[in-house]
Amino acid sequence: MFRFPHQLGLLLILAVSAGQAQVDARLETPKPAYLQYSSIPFTVHVKNIGANELVLTSDQNPPWLEMIVQSFDGLLIKPERPLTPPEKTLKPGQSTSVSVDLAPYYLVRETGGYKARASIHLPSGETLLTESLNFLIGKGEVIWSSPRGDGPDRRIYSLLKFYEDPNVGLYLRVEVPGRNMVYPTHRLGPYLPLGKPTAEFDAENRLHILYASAANTHRITVVNSDGRMLREETRQEGADKPTLKKNQEGEVSIQGGVVMLPSSMRERLSTLQSRVGAKAPPEEALQP
């Protein structure tokens, strides 16, 4: 059984002397566990603590940044396609960060424990390895599922809840069993598991999802047939709760609740109304 550090990402900083260059490197990930088939984000931090400029390019072979992924039983997970990191030029004392999603590059599909580290290839030919960072891949729990279509292109849409200590996240997965395909599983947002989400397909095969994201707060998400997000909106409960309604033409609409606008939008609306001489309404009265 492994233990995570008390603060993820605050790992041991390593320094390597490469000619006249010295480099610090850190590896971070925001969570200790990720849902199967979802993004696995890591961030590599690099700082030039030497006296000379440091040039990191992808023209070299191998490129200046690679990720090394292993299962807990020691199996090395080979990349499905090469990682091409952006080129970086760091002056003395300058830092940079590179975000890497492991999911598109490594077949980290099976549930269980894994560890990752960053390998940084310096112009001198030396290699810097960060400390390993542990993470888990979990299954989650399917709370809604619906097939769509026929034949080999038949798709299965599923909503899953996944515990992200101390919270719960809601995810959407789209599978095409006839073609042995699973689209990247997208996190829709935080989920308050009081009652189940509701979902409706419209006439254009877009999926509308309504779920509780917090107490008295609901989120509406609209996705296309591949599960990619098209639109989202948050509503607070007013006199009644938000609900999804589908008419005979196949159009899906949201009824009830009060639309919550971002604070930046409220500020712009209030400023505009002040300029034209109108009194700005209170926040709870602002609706599109």
C-alpha atoms as a PDB file:
ATOM      1  CA  MET A   1       0.000   0.000   0.000  1.00  0.00           C
ATOM      2  CA  PHE A   2       1.423   3.377  -0.928  1.00  0.00           C
ATOM      3  CA  ARG A   3       0.983   6.764   0.733  1.00  0.00           C
ATOM      4  CA  PHE A   4       0.586  10.100  -0.982  1.00  0.00           C
ATOM      5  CA  PRO A   5       2.504  13.148   0.231  1.00  0.00           C
ATOM      6  CA  HIS A   6       0.520  15.462   2.476  1.00  0.00           C
ATOM      7  CA  GLN A   7       0.561  18.122  -0.232  1.00  0.00           C
ATOM      8  CA  LEU A   8       0.435  16.847  -3.813  1.00  0.00           C
ATOM      9  CA  GLY A   9       3.046  18.313  -6.053  1.00  0.00           C
ATOM     10  CA  LEU A  10       5.349  19.501  -3.264  1.00  0.00           C
ATOM     11  CA  LEU A  11       7.923  16.961  -4.265  1.00  0.00           C
ATOM     12  CA  LEU A  12      11.631  16.831  -3.813  1.00  0.00           C
ATOM     13  CA  ILE A  13      13.338  19.405  -6.052  1.00  0.00           C
ATOM     14  CA  LEU A  14      16.282  17.955  -7.896  1.00  0.00           C
ATOM     15  CA  ALA A  15      19.243  19.868  -9.258  1.00  0.00           C
ATOM     16  CA  VAL A  16      21.677  18.667 -11.880  1.00  0.00           C
ATOM     17  CA  SER A  17      24.921  20.261 -13.013  1.00  0.00           C
ATOM     18  CA  ALA A  18      25.159  20.238 -16.795  1.00  0.00           C
ATOM     19  CA  GLY A  19      28.340  22.004 -17.800  1.00  0.00           C
ATOM     20  CA  GLN A  20      27.585  25.505 -16.505  1.00  0.00           C
ATOM     21  CA  ALA A  21      23.825  24.939 -16.337  1.00  0.00           C
ATOM     22  CA  GLN A  22      21.817  23.930 -13.307  1.00  0.00           C
ATOM     23  CA  VAL A  23      18.176  22.964 -13.411  1.00  0.00           C
ATOM     24  CA  ASP A  24      15.438  22.477 -10.833  1.00  0.00           C
ATOM     25  CA  ALA A  25      12.488  20.274 -11.807  1.00  0.00           C
ATOM     26  CA  ARG A  26       9.194  19.466 -10.114  1.00  0.00           C
ATOM     27  CA  LEU A  27       6.261  17.274 -11.101  1.00  0.00           C
ATOM     28  CA  GLU A  28       2.687  17.974  -9.962  1.00  0.00           C
ATOM     29  CA  THR A  29      -0.765  16.498 -10.379  1.00  0.00           C
ATOM     30  CA  PRO A  30      -3.887  18.064  -8.836  1.00  0.00           C
ATOM     31  CA  LYS A  31      -5.542  14.866  -7.556  1.00  0.00           C
ATOM     32  CA  PRO A  32      -4.436  11.466  -6.241  1.00  0.00           C
ATOM     33  CA  ALA A  33      -7.007   9.544  -8.329  1.00  0.00           C
ATOM     34  CA  TYR A  34      -8.597   9.778 -11.793  1.00  0.00           C
ATOM     35  CA  LEU A  35     -11.567   8.117 -13.431  1.00  0.00           C
ATOM     36  CA  GLN A  36     -10.880   5.444 -16.046  1.00  0.00           C
ATOM     37  CA  TYR A  37     -10.689   6.915 -19.585  1.00  0.00           C
ATOM     38  CA  SER A  38     -10.609  10.514 -18.302  1.00  0.00           C
ATOM     39  CA  SER A  39      -7.818  13.105 -18.475  1.00  0.00           C
ATOM     40  CA  ILE A  40      -4.730  12.510 -16.312  1.00  0.00           C
ATOM     41  CA  PRO A  41      -3.179  15.985 -16.032  1.00  0.00           C
ATOM     42  CA  PHE A  42       0.386  16.552 -14.893  1.00  0.00           C
ATOM     43  CA  THR A  43       2.468  19.725 -14.797  1.00  0.00           C
ATOM     44  CA  VAL A  44       6.238  19.802 -15.167  1.00  0.00           C
ATOM     45  CA  HIS A  45       7.971  22.826 -13.627  1.00  0.00           C
ATOM     46  CA  VAL A  46      11.491  23.665 -14.781  1.00  0.00           C
ATOM     47  CA  LYS A  47      13.740  26.446 -13.463  1.00  0.00           C
ATOM     48  CA  ASN A  48      17.144  27.524 -14.744  1.00  0.00           C
ATOM     49  CA  ILE A  49      19.264  28.171 -11.642  1.00  0.00           C
ATOM     50  CA  GLY A  50      22.494  28.349 -13.629  1.00  0.00           C
ATOM     51  CA  ALA A  51      24.429  31.342 -14.906  1.00  0.00           C
ATOM     52  CA  ASN A  52      23.800  30.752 -18.630  1.00  0.00           C
ATOM     53  CA  GLU A  53      20.770  30.694 -20.896  1.00  0.00           C
ATOM     54  CA  LEU A  54      19.112  27.285 -21.205  1.00  0.00           C
ATOM     55  CA  VAL A  55      17.581  26.266 -24.558  1.00  0.00           C
ATOM     56  CA  LEU A  56      15.232  23.265 -24.543  1.00  0.00           C
ATOM     57  CA  THR A  57      14.163  22.057 -27.989  1.00  0.00           C
ATOM     58  CA  SER A  58      12.161  19.182 -29.465  1.00  0.00           C
ATOM     59  CA  ASP A  59      14.476  18.918 -32.498  1.00  0.00           C
ATOM     60  CA  GLN A  60      16.786  16.637 -30.566  1.00  0.00           C
ATOM     61  CA  ASN A  61      16.166  12.903 -30.289  1.00  0.00           C
ATOM     62  CA  PRO A  62      14.701  12.235 -27.804  1.00  0.00           C
ATOM     63  CA  PRO A  63      12.888  15.556 -27.260  1.00  0.00           C
ATOM     64  CA  TRP A  64      13.799  17.586 -24.197  1.00  0.00           C
ATOM     65  CA  LEU A  65      10.803  16.326 -22.186  1.00  0.00           C
ATOM     66  CA  GLU A  66       9.475  12.779 -21.847  1.00  0.00           C
ATOM     67  CA  MET A  67       7.172  11.121 -19.324  1.00  0.00           C
ATOM     68  CA  ILE A  68       7.904   7.730 -17.797  1.00  0.00           C
ATOM     69  CA  VAL A  69       4.818   5.822 -16.604  1.00  0.00           C
ATOM     70  CA  GLN A  70       4.818   2.514 -14.724  1.00  0.00           C
ATOM     71  CA  SER A  71       2.240   0.379 -12.976  1.00  0.00           C
ATOM     72  CA  PHE A  72       2.825  -0.431  -9.321  1.00  0.00           C
ATOM     73  CA  ASP A  73       3.890  -3.945 -10.257  1.00  0.00           C
ATOM     74  CA  GLY A  74       6.770  -2.486 -12.260  1.00  0.00           C
ATOM     75  CA  LEU A  75       5.306  -2.772 -15.776  1.00  0.00           C
ATOM     76  CA  LEU A  76       6.540   0.050 -18.013  1.00  0.00           C
ATOM     77  CA  ILE A  77       3.696   1.649 -19.988  1.00  0.00           C
ATOM     78  CA  LYS A  78       5.020   2.529 -23.436  1.00  0.00           C
ATOM     79  CA  PRO A  79       3.653   5.664 -25.127  1.00  0.00           C
ATOM     80  CA  GLU A  80       1.195   5.164 -27.977  1.00  0.00           C
ATOM     81  CA  ARG A  81       2.467   8.298 -29.715  1.00  0.00           C
ATOM     82  CA  PRO A  82       5.420  10.614 -29.086  1.00  0.00           C
ATOM     83  CA  LEU A  83       5.081  13.631 -26.854  1.00  0.00           C
ATOM     84  CA  THR A  84       6.136  16.874 -28.577  1.00  0.00           C
ATOM     85  CA  PRO A  85       6.761  19.471 -25.865  1.00  0.00           C
ATOM     86  CA  PRO A  86       6.918  23.186 -26.742  1.00  0.00           C
ATOM     87  CA  GLU A  87      10.369  24.688 -27.113  1.00  0.00           C
ATOM     88  CA  LYS A  88      11.556  26.728 -24.142  1.00  0.00           C
ATOM     89  CA  THR A  89      14.365  29.244 -23.673  1.00  0.00           C
ATOM     90  CA  LEU A  90      15.107  30.086 -20.053  1.00  0.00           C
ATOM     91  CA  LYS A  91      17.331  32.916 -18.938  1.00  0.00           C
ATOM     92  CA  PRO A  92      19.181  32.565 -15.629  1.00  0.00           C
ATOM     93  CA  GLY A  93      16.642  32.449 -12.815  1.00  0.00           C
ATOM     94  CA  GLN A  94      13.683  32.013 -15.193  1.00  0.00           C
ATOM     95  CA  SER A  95      11.032  29.299 -14.747  1.00  0.00           C
ATOM     96  CA  THR A  96       8.536  27.623 -17.043  1.00  0.00           C
ATOM     97  CA  SER A  97       5.749  25.045 -16.780  1.00  0.00           C
ATOM     98  CA  VAL A  98       4.500  22.461 -19.265  1.00  0.00           C
ATOM     99  CA  SER A  99       1.103  20.762 -18.932  1.00  0.00           C
ATOM    100  CA  VAL A 100       0.891  17.132 -20.020  1.00  0.00           C
ATOM    101  CA  ASP A 101      -2.253  14.987 -20.170  1.00  0.00           C
ATOM    102  CA  LEU A 102      -1.081  11.377 -19.975  1.00  0.00           C
ATOM    103  CA  ALA A 103      -4.356   9.906 -21.276  1.00  0.00           C
ATOM    104  CA  PRO A 104      -3.855  10.617 -25.027  1.00  0.00           C
ATOM    105  CA  TYR A 105      -0.271   9.314 -24.982  1.00  0.00           C
ATOM    106  CA  TYR A 106      -0.274   6.315 -22.641  1.00  0.00           C
ATOM    107  CA  LEU A 107      -2.674   3.366 -22.430  1.00  0.00           C
ATOM    108  CA  VAL A 108      -3.325   3.822 -18.737  1.00  0.00           C
ATOM    109  CA  ARG A 109      -6.676   2.049 -18.981  1.00  0.00           C
ATOM    110  CA  GLU A 110      -6.701  -0.630 -16.290  1.00  0.00           C
ATOM    111  CA  THR A 111      -7.775   0.311 -12.792  1.00  0.00           C
ATOM    112  CA  GLY A 112      -5.070   0.278 -10.151  1.00  0.00           C
ATOM    113  CA  GLY A 113      -2.010   2.196  -9.045  1.00  0.00           C
ATOM    114  CA  TYR A 114       0.558   3.892 -11.258  1.00  0.00           C
ATOM    115  CA  LYS A 115       3.532   6.187 -10.928  1.00  0.00           C
ATOM    116  CA  ALA A 116       4.908   8.807 -13.282  1.00  0.00           C
ATOM    117  CA  ARG A 117       8.050  10.871 -13.512  1.00  0.00           C
ATOM    118  CA  ALA A 118       9.385  13.468 -15.924  1.00  0.00           C
ATOM    119  CA  SER A 119      12.610  12.928 -17.847  1.00  0.00           C
ATOM    120  CA  ILE A 120      14.338  16.131 -18.977  1.00  0.00           C
ATOM    121  CA  HIS A 121      17.097  15.834 -21.578  1.00  0.00           C
ATOM    122  CA  LEU A 122      19.513  18.757 -21.364  1.00  0.00           C
ATOM    123  CA  PRO A 123      21.542  20.196 -24.267  1.00  0.00           C
ATOM    124  CA  SER A 124      24.707  18.811 -22.673  1.00  0.00           C
ATOM    125  CA  GLY A 125      23.397  15.267 -23.135  1.00  0.00           C
ATOM    126  CA  GLU A 126      22.667  14.744 -19.443  1.00  0.00           C
ATOM    127  CA  THR A 127      19.237  13.641 -18.243  1.00  0.00           C
ATOM    128  CA  LEU A 128      17.323  14.852 -15.211  1.00  0.00           C
ATOM    129  CA  LEU A 129      14.653  12.627 -13.632  1.00  0.00           C
ATOM    130  CA  THR A 130      12.115  13.964 -11.179  1.00  0.00           C
ATOM    131  CA  GLU A 131      10.898  11.917  -8.249  1.00  0.00           C
ATOM    132  CA  SER A 132       8.025   9.523  -9.027  1.00  0.00           C
ATOM    133  CA  LEU A 133       4.476  10.712  -8.338  1.00  0.00           C
ATOM    134  CA  ASN A 134       1.813   8.114  -7.515  1.00  0.00           C
ATOM    135  CA  PHE A 135      -1.750   8.161  -8.834  1.00  0.00           C
ATOM    136  CA  LEU A 136      -4.730   5.825  -9.019  1.00  0.00           C
ATOM    137  CA  ILE A 137      -7.149   4.924 -11.819  1.00  0.00           C
ATOM    138  CA  GLY A 138     -10.673   4.090 -10.603  1.00  0.00           C
ATOM    139  CA  LYS A 139     -13.919   2.875 -12.187  1.00  0.00           C
ATOM    140  CA  GLY A 140     -16.538   5.184 -10.725  1.00  0.00           C
ATOM    141  CA  GLU A 141     -20.232   4.308 -10.452  1.00  0.00           C
ATOM    142  CA  VAL A 142     -22.680   4.437 -13.362  1.00  0.00           C
ATOM    143  CA  ILE A 143     -25.846   6.285 -12.258  1.00  0.00           C
ATOM    144  CA  TRP A 144     -27.519   6.723 -15.681  1.00  0.00           C
ATOM    145  CA  SER A 145     -27.038   5.049 -19.047  1.00  0.00           C
ATOM    146  CA  SER A 146     -28.844   5.113 -22.392  1.00  0.00           C
ATOM    147  CA  PRO A 147     -28.135   3.528 -25.822  1.00  0.00           C
ATOM    148  CA  ARG A 148     -28.515   5.582 -28.983  1.00  0.00           C
ATOM    149  CA  GLY A 149     -28.644   4.340 -32.587  1.00  0.00           C
ATOM    150  CA  ASP A 150     -28.290   0.921 -34.200  1.00  0.00           C
ATOM    151  CA  GLY A 151     -25.657  -1.229 -35.865  1.00  0.00           C
ATOM    152  CA  PRO A 152     -21.905  -0.839 -35.397  1.00  0.00           C
ATOM    153  CA  ASP A 153     -22.260   2.918 -34.700  1.00  0.00           C
ATOM    154  CA  ARG A 154     -24.636   2.362 -31.782  1.00  0.00           C
ATOM    155  CA  ARG A 155     -23.483   4.487 -28.872  1.00  0.00           C
ATOM    156  CA  ILE A 156     -23.940   4.129 -25.145  1.00  0.00           C
ATOM    157  CA  TYR A 157     -24.045   7.325 -23.096  1.00  0.00           C
ATOM    158  CA  SER A 158     -23.327   6.989 -19.379  1.00  0.00           C
ATOM    159  CA  LEU A 159     -23.164   9.350 -16.412  1.00  0.00           C
ATOM    160  CA  LEU A 160     -20.782   8.278 -13.672  1.00  0.00           C
ATOM    161  CA  LYS A 161     -20.085   9.633 -10.237  1.00  0.00           C
ATOM    162  CA  PHE A 162     -16.527   9.453  -8.991  1.00  0.00           C
ATOM    163  CA  TYR A 163     -15.371  10.172  -5.470  1.00  0.00           C
ATOM    164  CA  GLU A 164     -12.692  12.851  -5.394  1.00  0.00           C
ATOM    165  CA  ASP A 165     -11.999  13.039  -1.699  1.00  0.00           C
ATOM    166  CA  PRO A 166     -13.662  14.937  -0.116  1.00  0.00           C
ATOM    167  CA  ASN A 167     -16.028  15.722  -3.018  1.00  0.00           C
ATOM    168  CA  VAL A 168     -17.833  13.875  -5.815  1.00  0.00           C
ATOM    169  CA  GLY A 169     -17.483  14.617  -9.536  1.00  0.00           C
ATOM    170  CA  LEU A 170     -19.947  13.859 -12.340  1.00  0.00           C
ATOM    171  CA  TYR A 171     -18.551  12.468 -15.598  1.00  0.00           C
ATOM    172  CA  LEU A 172     -19.935  11.661 -19.047  1.00  0.00           C
ATOM    173  CA  ARG A 173     -18.692   8.684 -21.053  1.00  0.00           C
ATOM    174  CA  VAL A 174     -19.576   7.817 -24.669  1.00  0.00           C
ATOM    175  CA  GLU A 175     -18.827   4.297 -25.911  1.00  0.00           C
ATOM    176  CA  VAL A 176     -19.183   2.647 -29.331  1.00  0.00           C
ATOM    177  CA  PRO A 177     -19.053  -1.099 -28.500  1.00  0.00           C
ATOM    178  CA  GLY A 178     -19.415  -2.182 -32.141  1.00  0.00           C
ATOM    179  CA  ARG A 179     -16.160  -0.421 -32.992  1.00  0.00           C
ATOM    180  CA  ASN A 180     -14.414  -1.081 -29.662  1.00  0.00           C
ATOM    181  CA  MET A 181     -14.190   2.665 -29.031  1.00  0.00           C
ATOM    182  CA  VAL A 182     -14.453   4.771 -25.884  1.00  0.00           C
ATOM    183  CA  TYR A 183     -14.361   8.543 -26.261  1.00  0.00           C
ATOM    184  CA  PRO A 184     -12.428  10.519 -23.624  1.00  0.00           C
ATOM    185  CA  THR A 185     -14.531  10.681 -20.475  1.00  0.00           C
ATOM    186  CA  HIS A 186     -15.294  14.329 -19.618  1.00  0.00           C
ATOM    187  CA  ARG A 187     -15.760  15.732 -16.145  1.00  0.00           C
ATOM    188  CA  LEU A 188     -18.948  17.816 -16.125  1.00  0.00           C
ATOM    189  CA  GLY A 189     -18.408  19.342 -12.704  1.00  0.00           C
ATOM    190  CA  PRO A 190     -18.952  18.862  -8.971  1.00  0.00           C
ATOM    191  CA  TYR A 191     -21.928  16.681  -8.133  1.00  0.00           C
ATOM    192  CA  LEU A 192     -24.206  16.685  -5.103  1.00  0.00           C
ATOM    193  CA  PRO A 193     -25.598  13.124  -4.985  1.00  0.00           C
ATOM    194  CA  LEU A 194     -29.099  14.015  -3.795  1.00  0.00           C
ATOM    195  CA  GLY A 195     -31.360  12.435  -6.385  1.00  0.00           C
ATOM    196  CA  LYS A 196     -30.249  11.354  -9.850  1.00  0.00           C
ATOM    197  CA  PRO A 197     -29.412  13.632 -12.803  1.00  0.00           C
ATOM    198  CA  THR A 198     -31.969  13.956 -15.609  1.00  0.00           C
ATOM    199  CA  ALA A 199     -30.991  13.726 -19.265  1.00  0.00           C
ATOM    200  CA  GLU A 200     -32.803  14.232 -22.590  1.00  0.00           C
ATOM    201  CA  PHE A 201     -31.739  13.907 -26.225  1.00  0.00           C
ATOM    202  CA  ASP A 202     -33.058  16.586 -28.569  1.00  0.00           C
ATOM    203  CA  ALA A 203     -34.006  16.250 -32.254  1.00  0.00           C
ATOM    204  CA  GLU A 204     -30.392  16.983 -33.306  1.00  0.00           C
ATOM    205  CA  ASN A 205     -29.027  14.196 -31.077  1.00  0.00           C
ATOM    206  CA  ARG A 206     -27.566  16.607 -28.539  1.00  0.00           C
ATOM    207  CA  LEU A 207     -27.705  15.430 -24.943  1.00  0.00           C
ATOM    208  CA  HIS A 208     -29.002  17.840 -22.283  1.00  0.00           C
ATOM    209  CA  ILE A 209     -27.992  16.971 -18.708  1.00  0.00           C
ATOM    210  CA  LEU A 210     -29.370  18.558 -15.545  1.00  0.00           C
ATOM    211  CA  TYR A 211     -27.846  17.755 -12.147  1.00  0.00           C
ATOM    212  CA  ALA A 212     -27.334  19.213  -8.670  1.00  0.00           C
ATOM    213  CA  SER A 213     -23.865  20.736  -8.290  1.00  0.00           C
ATOM    214  CA  ALA A 214     -24.386  22.143  -4.780  1.00  0.00           C
ATOM    215  CA  ALA A 215     -27.177  22.842  -2.311  1.00  0.00           C
ATOM    216  CA  ASN A 216     -30.049  24.579  -4.169  1.00  0.00           C
ATOM    217  CA  THR A 217     -27.784  24.898  -7.230  1.00  0.00           C
ATOM    218  CA  HIS A 218     -28.164  23.027 -10.525  1.00  0.00           C
ATOM    219  CA  ARG A 219     -26.036  22.856 -13.660  1.00  0.00           C
ATOM    220  CA  ILE A 220     -27.233  22.290 -17.186  1.00  0.00           C
ATOM    221  CA  THR A 221     -24.728  20.865 -19.675  1.00  0.00           C
ATOM    222  CA  VAL A 222     -25.322  20.265 -23.400  1.00  0.00           C
ATOM    223  CA  VAL A 223     -22.975  17.938 -25.324  1.00  0.00           C
ATOM    224  CA  ASN A 224     -22.741  16.672 -28.906  1.00  0.00           C
ATOM    225  CA  SER A 225     -22.824  13.034 -30.007  1.00  0.00           C
ATOM    226  CA  ASP A 226     -19.114  12.600 -29.120  1.00  0.00           C
ATOM    227  CA  GLY A 227     -19.624  13.959 -25.609  1.00  0.00           C
ATOM    228  CA  ARG A 228     -17.961  17.299 -26.284  1.00  0.00           C
ATOM    229  CA  MET A 229     -19.411  20.210 -24.361  1.00  0.00           C
ATOM    230  CA  LEU A 230     -21.462  22.714 -26.355  1.00  0.00           C
ATOM    231  CA  ARG A 231     -22.993  24.818 -23.594  1.00  0.00           C
ATOM    232  CA  GLU A 232     -23.393  24.952 -19.834  1.00  0.00           C
ATOM    233  CA  GLU A 233     -25.432  27.063 -17.454  1.00  0.00           C
ATOM    234  CA  THR A 234     -25.937  27.233 -13.693  1.00  0.00           C
ATOM    235  CA  ARG A 235     -29.260  27.975 -12.006  1.00  0.00           C
ATOM    236  CA  GLN A 236     -30.303  28.475  -8.424  1.00  0.00           C
ATOM    237  CA  GLU A 237     -33.581  27.215  -7.111  1.00  0.00           C
ATOM    238  CA  GLY A 238     -36.194  29.949  -6.979  1.00  0.00           C
ATOM    239  CA  ALA A 239     -39.878  29.349  -6.486  1.00  0.00           C
ATOM    240  CA  ASP A 240     -39.305  25.973  -8.133  1.00  0.00           C
ATOM    241  CA  LYS A 241     -36.450  23.701  -9.163  1.00  0.00           C
ATOM    242  CA  PRO A 242     -35.035  23.751 -12.705  1.00  0.00           C
ATOM    243  CA  THR A 243     -36.388  20.963 -14.902  1.00  0.00           C
ATOM    244  CA  LEU A 244     -35.801  19.709 -18.447  1.00  0.00           C
ATOM    245  CA  LYS A 245     -38.786  19.784 -20.810  1.00  0.00           C
ATOM    246  CA  LYS A 246     -38.982  18.150 -24.253  1.00  0.00           C
ATOM    247  CA  ASN A 247     -41.723  19.137 -26.701  1.00  0.00           C
ATOM    248  CA  GLN A 248     -43.232  17.180 -29.600  1.00  0.00           C
ATOM    249  CA  GLU A 249     -40.719  18.661 -32.064  1.00  0.00           C
ATOM    250  CA  GLY A 250     -37.844  17.247 -30.017  1.00  0.00           C
ATOM    251  CA  GLU A 251     -36.690  20.570 -28.635  1.00  0.00           C
ATOM    252  CA  VAL A 252     -35.332  20.499 -25.071  1.00  0.00           C
ATOM    253  CA  SER A 253     -35.612  23.534 -22.802  1.00  0.00           C
ATOM    254  CA  ILE A 254     -34.902  24.379 -19.166  1.00  0.00           C
ATOM    255  CA  GLN A 255     -37.715  25.656 -16.999  1.00  0.00           C
ATOM    256  CA  GLY A 256     -37.608  27.042 -13.471  1.00  0.00           C
ATOM    257  CA  GLY A 257     -34.823  28.377 -11.305  1.00  0.00           C
ATOM    258  CA  VAL A 258     -32.853  31.617 -11.544  1.00  0.00           C
ATOM    259  CA  VAL A 259     -29.904  31.896 -13.946  1.00  0.00           C
ATOM    260  CA  MET A 260     -26.602  32.583 -12.212  1.00  0.00           C
ATOM    261  CA  LEU A 261     -24.431  34.909 -14.299  1.00  0.00           C
ATOM    262  CA  PRO A 262     -20.662  35.134 -13.803  1.00  0.00           C
ATOM    263  CA  SER A 263     -19.643  38.117 -11.680  1.00  0.00           C
ATOM    264  CA  SER A 264     -17.821  39.659 -14.675  1.00  0.00           C
ATOM    265  CA  MET A 265     -21.048  39.571 -16.700  1.00  0.00           C
ATOM    266  CA  ARG A 266     -22.991  41.185 -13.853  1.00  0.00           C
ATOM    267  CA  GLU A 267     -20.403  43.959 -13.678  1.00  0.00           C
ATOM    268  CA  ARG A 268     -20.566  44.625 -17.421  1.00  0.00           C
ATOM    269  CA  LEU A 269     -24.380  44.718 -17.387  1.00  0.00           C
ATOM    270  CA  SER A 270     -24.437  47.056 -14.395  1.00  0.00           C
ATOM    271  CA  THR A 271     -21.854  49.385 -15.980  1.00  0.00           C
ATOM    272  CA  LEU A 272     -23.748  49.500 -19.283  1.00  0.00           C
ATOM    273  CA  GLN A 273     -27.058  50.297 -17.583  1.00  0.00           C
ATOM    274  CA  SER A 274     -25.427  53.049 -15.542  1.00  0.00           C
ATOM    275  CA  ARG A 275     -24.092  54.667 -18.719  1.00  0.00           C
ATOM    276  CA  VAL A 276     -27.527  54.805 -20.328  1.00  0.00           C
ATOM    277  CA  GLY A 277     -29.085  56.181 -17.162  1.00  0.00           C
ATOM    278  CA  ALA A 278     -30.888  53.052 -16.055  1.00  0.00           C
ATOM    279  CA  LYS A 279     -30.732  51.744 -12.530  1.00  0.00           C
ATOM    280  CA  ALA A 280     -28.746  48.533 -12.259  1.00  0.00           C
ATOM    281  CA  PRO A 281     -30.907  45.644 -10.998  1.00  0.00           C
ATOM    282  CA  PRO A 282     -29.869  43.505  -8.016  1.00  0.00           C
ATOM    283  CA  GLU A 283     -27.897  40.376  -8.804  1.00  0.00           C
ATOM    284  CA  GLU A 284     -30.784  38.003  -8.204  1.00  0.00           C
ATOM    285  CA  ALA A 285     -32.903  39.814 -10.781  1.00  0.00           C
ATOM    286  CA  LEU A 286     -30.413  39.566 -13.659  1.00  0.00           C
ATOM    287  CA  GLN A 287     -31.624  37.057 -16.271  1.00  0.00           C
ATOM    288  CA  PRO A 288     -30.918  36.742 -20.007  1.00  0.00           C
END
